[in-house]
Protein backbone atom coordinates (compact mmCIF):
# COMPACT_ATOMS: atom_id res chain seq x y z
CA MET A 1 25.42 8.68 -9.44
CA GLN A 2 22.63 6.63 -7.74
CA GLU A 3 21.90 7.09 -4.02
CA ALA A 4 23.52 4.39 -2.06
CA ARG A 5 20.33 3.12 -0.70
CA TYR A 6 19.25 2.37 -3.91
CA LEU A 7 22.32 0.36 -5.10
CA GLU A 8 22.00 -3.00 -5.87
CA PRO A 9 22.81 -5.36 -2.92
CA CYS A 10 26.50 -6.74 -3.43
CA ASP A 11 29.60 -7.48 -1.45
CA GLU A 12 30.87 -3.97 -1.70
CA ASN A 13 27.88 -2.48 -0.04
CA ASP A 14 27.15 -5.19 2.57
CA TYR A 15 24.17 -6.36 0.61
CA GLN A 16 22.16 -3.00 1.86
CA LEU A 17 22.85 -4.42 5.47
CA ASP A 18 21.79 -0.70 7.08
CA HIS A 19 18.40 -1.22 4.77
CA ILE A 20 17.84 -5.05 6.19
CA ARG A 21 18.45 -3.81 9.66
CA LEU A 22 15.68 -1.41 9.16
CA LEU A 23 13.44 -4.06 7.80
CA SER A 24 14.30 -6.73 10.33
CA ASN A 25 14.34 -4.15 13.65
CA SER A 26 10.98 -2.95 12.48
CA LEU A 27 9.58 -6.62 12.02
CA VAL A 28 11.04 -7.54 15.59
CA HIS A 29 9.03 -4.56 16.92
CA TRP A 30 5.61 -5.44 15.25
CA SER A 31 5.90 -9.27 15.26
CA GLY A 32 8.46 -10.33 17.81
CA CYS A 33 10.19 -12.10 14.97
CA GLY A 34 13.11 -10.72 13.02
CA LEU A 35 14.56 -11.28 9.43
CA MET A 36 18.26 -12.30 10.80
CA ASP A 37 17.82 -14.03 13.85
CA ASP A 38 19.64 -17.25 13.03
CA GLU A 39 22.87 -15.91 11.40
CA PRO A 40 25.37 -14.25 13.69
CA ASP A 41 27.20 -12.65 10.93
CA PRO A 42 24.79 -9.73 9.40
CA VAL A 43 26.29 -9.40 6.29
CA ILE A 44 25.93 -12.97 5.69
CA ALA A 45 22.19 -12.50 6.79
CA ALA A 46 21.61 -9.62 4.57
CA ARG A 47 23.27 -11.80 1.50
CA ARG A 48 20.82 -14.81 2.50
CA LEU A 49 17.85 -12.44 2.40
CA TYR A 50 18.77 -10.85 -0.95
CA TYR A 51 18.95 -14.54 -2.55
CA ALA A 52 16.35 -15.86 -0.33
CA PRO A 53 13.19 -18.39 -2.08
CA PHE A 54 10.59 -15.99 -0.82
CA ALA A 55 10.10 -12.14 -1.80
CA LEU A 56 10.94 -9.48 0.09
CA LEU A 57 10.40 -5.79 -0.72
CA SER A 58 10.00 -2.51 0.73
CA HIS A 59 8.86 1.03 -0.44
CA GLY A 60 9.64 4.44 0.97
CA THR A 61 7.67 7.57 2.36
CA GLU A 62 7.47 9.65 -1.04
CA ALA A 63 3.85 10.83 -1.86
CA ASP A 64 3.68 8.05 -4.53
CA PRO A 65 6.01 5.63 -2.62
CA ILE A 66 8.69 4.07 -4.49
CA ILE A 67 10.13 0.54 -4.27
CA ASN A 68 13.36 0.83 -2.54
CA TYR A 69 14.33 -2.98 -1.89
CA ALA A 70 13.46 -6.07 -3.79
CA ASN A 71 15.36 -9.00 -3.16
CA HIS A 72 16.45 -11.57 -6.19
CA THR A 73 13.11 -13.51 -5.96
CA ALA A 74 10.98 -10.59 -5.86
CA GLN A 75 12.91 -9.23 -9.16
CA GLN A 76 12.30 -12.55 -10.95
CA LEU A 77 8.72 -12.79 -9.92
CA PHE A 78 8.08 -9.18 -11.11
CA GLU A 79 10.30 -9.53 -14.04
CA MET A 80 12.22 -6.40 -13.22
CA GLY A 81 15.82 -5.90 -12.63
CA TRP A 82 17.15 -4.08 -9.60
CA ASP A 83 17.53 -0.43 -11.48
CA GLU A 84 14.14 -0.86 -12.62
CA PHE A 85 12.29 -1.92 -9.71
CA THR A 86 13.67 0.64 -7.48
CA LYS A 87 12.38 3.30 -9.83
CA LEU A 88 8.90 1.79 -9.76
CA PRO A 89 5.99 3.38 -7.55
CA SER A 90 4.79 0.67 -5.46
CA ARG A 91 1.31 1.03 -6.47
CA LEU A 92 2.21 -0.28 -9.98
CA SER A 93 2.80 -3.82 -8.52
CA ALA A 94 -0.92 -4.14 -8.60
CA GLU A 95 -3.22 -3.77 -11.52
CA ALA A 96 -5.41 -0.49 -11.85
CA VAL A 97 -8.46 -2.62 -10.92
CA VAL A 98 -7.01 -3.85 -7.55
CA GLN A 99 -5.99 -0.63 -6.23
CA GLN A 100 -8.79 0.21 -4.13
CA GLU A 101 -7.90 -3.55 -2.39
CA ARG A 102 -4.30 -2.61 -2.26
CA ASN A 103 -4.94 0.68 -0.69
CA ALA A 104 -7.37 -1.19 1.95
CA LEU A 105 -4.42 -3.29 2.54
CA LEU A 106 -1.87 -0.24 2.96
CA LYS A 107 -4.24 1.50 5.42
CA ARG A 108 -4.83 -1.64 7.38
CA VAL A 109 -1.10 -1.92 7.88
CA SER A 110 -0.88 1.88 8.69
CA ASP A 111 -3.23 1.44 11.31
CA ASN A 112 -2.20 -1.67 13.01
CA GLY A 113 1.69 -1.83 12.20
CA TYR A 114 1.57 -5.33 10.95
CA ILE A 115 -0.51 -8.01 9.49
CA ASP A 116 0.40 -11.54 8.22
CA ASP A 117 -2.46 -12.65 6.37
CA TYR A 118 -2.84 -10.51 3.10
CA SER A 119 -3.74 -12.29 -0.21
CA GLY A 120 -4.03 -10.66 -3.52
CA ILE A 121 -3.43 -10.32 -6.92
CA ARG A 122 0.02 -8.78 -8.41
CA ILE A 123 1.29 -8.09 -11.92
CA ALA A 124 4.47 -8.78 -13.22
CA LYS A 125 6.01 -6.60 -16.09
CA SER A 126 5.01 -8.57 -18.80
CA GLY A 127 1.68 -8.27 -17.56
CA ARG A 128 1.78 -12.00 -16.07
CA ARG A 129 -0.67 -12.09 -13.07
CA PHE A 130 -0.10 -13.83 -9.83
CA LYS A 131 -1.74 -14.40 -6.58
CA ILE A 132 0.17 -13.94 -3.50
CA GLU A 133 -1.00 -15.40 -0.13
CA ASP A 134 -0.43 -14.73 3.55
CA ALA A 135 1.96 -12.04 2.87
CA THR A 136 3.59 -10.23 5.86
CA VAL A 137 3.39 -6.51 5.63
CA TRP A 138 4.72 -4.19 8.21
CA ASN A 139 5.70 -0.54 9.01
CA LEU A 140 9.12 0.55 8.86
CA SER A 141 10.49 2.76 11.67
CA ASP A 142 14.05 3.97 12.57
CA PRO A 143 15.27 3.67 16.36
CA GLN A 144 13.99 7.32 16.93
CA GLY A 145 10.47 6.12 15.88
CA LYS A 146 10.12 7.88 12.59
CA TYR A 147 8.05 6.21 10.03
CA CYS A 148 10.43 5.18 6.97
CA GLY A 149 7.92 3.35 4.72
CA GLN A 150 6.44 -0.27 4.43
CA ALA A 151 7.79 -3.72 3.72
CA ALA A 152 6.12 -6.95 2.39
CA MET A 153 7.38 -10.64 2.56
CA PHE A 154 5.67 -13.56 1.01
CA SER A 155 6.62 -17.15 0.07
CA ILE A 156 3.33 -18.57 -1.36
CA TRP A 157 2.29 -17.45 -4.96
CA HIS A 158 0.61 -18.85 -7.77
CA LEU A 159 0.77 -17.67 -11.66
CA LEU A 160 -2.73 -16.93 -12.99
CA ARG A 161 -3.58 -17.40 -16.52
């Protein structure tokens, strides 16, 4: 059976509310702004984030970090369903030729906790390339301060030829 945190968000698991709280609380810590601020019902907020018109993703703390959350927009953009996406090492979301750039981004986030100005090239399952702009990337930590991975959110992308 698939681990609960890797189950696709749905009504039965409150749209992965615990994970969304981790993403939102961590973002509040670094930026002062959360993901669920304007919705009093947290499950509705988690559902809205899953179907939001922007991409929201996160990866864990494995030696080769694995994507552990990708909202519907991210799934469509990267051309992968939930089950496939949540088995993907996050490094494979970028072409090999831009891995050095991606590694520099992740180090910058690790050092500073948060950035809101990342732009870079990503690749979908089909090989289609797209540029993301002004992405927010932040470190995730639980209430005890334990590092839990990183998350990214972006609403601007352009398909490349």
